[in-house]
C-alpha cells in the first residue's frame, strides 16, 4: 500500500488511508480484499454472484 500512496503523491500513509476511505467508503485493505474476492473463479460481474469453481 505504501508504494501506491507514494505513487499518488501521499507522503503520509495515514493521510492516504483517510483520504481513500472518504473517497471510496472503505479502507485500502478492505478494497484489496474485495478485489481478491472478485478475482476468484466463478465470480461473474453481471450477476455479482459467486458460483464457485466450474
Protein backbone atom coordinates (compact mmCIF):
# COMPACT_ATOMS: atom_id res chain seq x y z
CA UNK A 1 0.00 0.00 0.00
CA UNK A 2 2.91 2.34 0.69
CA UNK A 3 4.03 2.21 -2.93
CA UNK A 4 0.53 3.18 -4.10
CA UNK A 5 0.35 6.06 -1.61
CA UNK A 6 3.74 7.37 -2.72
CA UNK A 7 2.84 6.96 -6.39
CA UNK A 8 -0.20 9.18 -5.85
CA UNK A 9 1.83 11.83 -4.03
CA UNK A 10 0.99 10.98 -0.42
CA UNK A 11 3.97 11.14 1.93
CA UNK A 12 1.89 10.15 4.95
CA UNK A 13 0.30 6.69 4.88
CA UNK A 14 -2.31 7.68 7.48
CA UNK A 15 -3.42 10.62 5.36
CA UNK A 16 -3.64 8.36 2.31
CA UNK A 17 -5.77 5.83 4.19
CA UNK A 18 -8.15 8.51 5.48
CA UNK A 19 -8.45 10.10 2.04
CA UNK A 20 -9.03 6.71 0.42
CA UNK A 21 -11.77 5.86 2.94
CA UNK A 22 -13.51 9.21 2.37
CA UNK A 23 -13.38 8.75 -1.42
CA UNK A 24 -14.27 5.04 -1.70
CA UNK A 25 -16.13 4.31 1.54
CA UNK A 26 -13.71 1.58 2.62
CA UNK A 27 -10.11 1.26 3.70
CA UNK A 28 -7.39 0.40 1.19
CA UNK A 29 -7.10 -3.02 2.86
CA UNK A 30 -10.86 -3.65 2.54
CA UNK A 31 -10.65 -2.65 -1.13
CA UNK A 32 -7.71 -5.00 -1.73
CA UNK A 33 -9.60 -7.84 -0.04
CA UNK A 34 -12.68 -7.11 -2.16
CA UNK A 35 -10.60 -7.22 -5.34
CA UNK A 36 -9.14 -10.54 -4.26
CA UNK A 37 -12.66 -11.93 -3.81
CA UNK A 38 -13.85 -10.57 -7.16
CA UNK A 39 -10.96 -12.21 -8.98
CA UNK A 40 -11.78 -15.69 -7.68
CA UNK A 41 -13.00 -18.23 -10.24
CA UNK A 42 -16.75 -18.36 -10.60
CA UNK A 43 -17.44 -14.71 -9.85
CA UNK A 44 -19.43 -13.10 -12.63
CA UNK A 45 -19.61 -9.29 -12.84
CA UNK A 46 -23.06 -9.20 -14.48
CA UNK A 47 -24.79 -11.08 -11.69
CA UNK A 48 -22.48 -10.26 -8.74
CA UNK A 49 -23.00 -13.85 -7.67
CA UNK A 50 -20.20 -16.27 -6.90
CA UNK A 51 -21.00 -19.62 -8.49
CA UNK A 52 -17.86 -21.37 -7.32
CA UNK A 53 -15.43 -23.32 -9.50
CA UNK A 54 -16.79 -24.82 -12.66
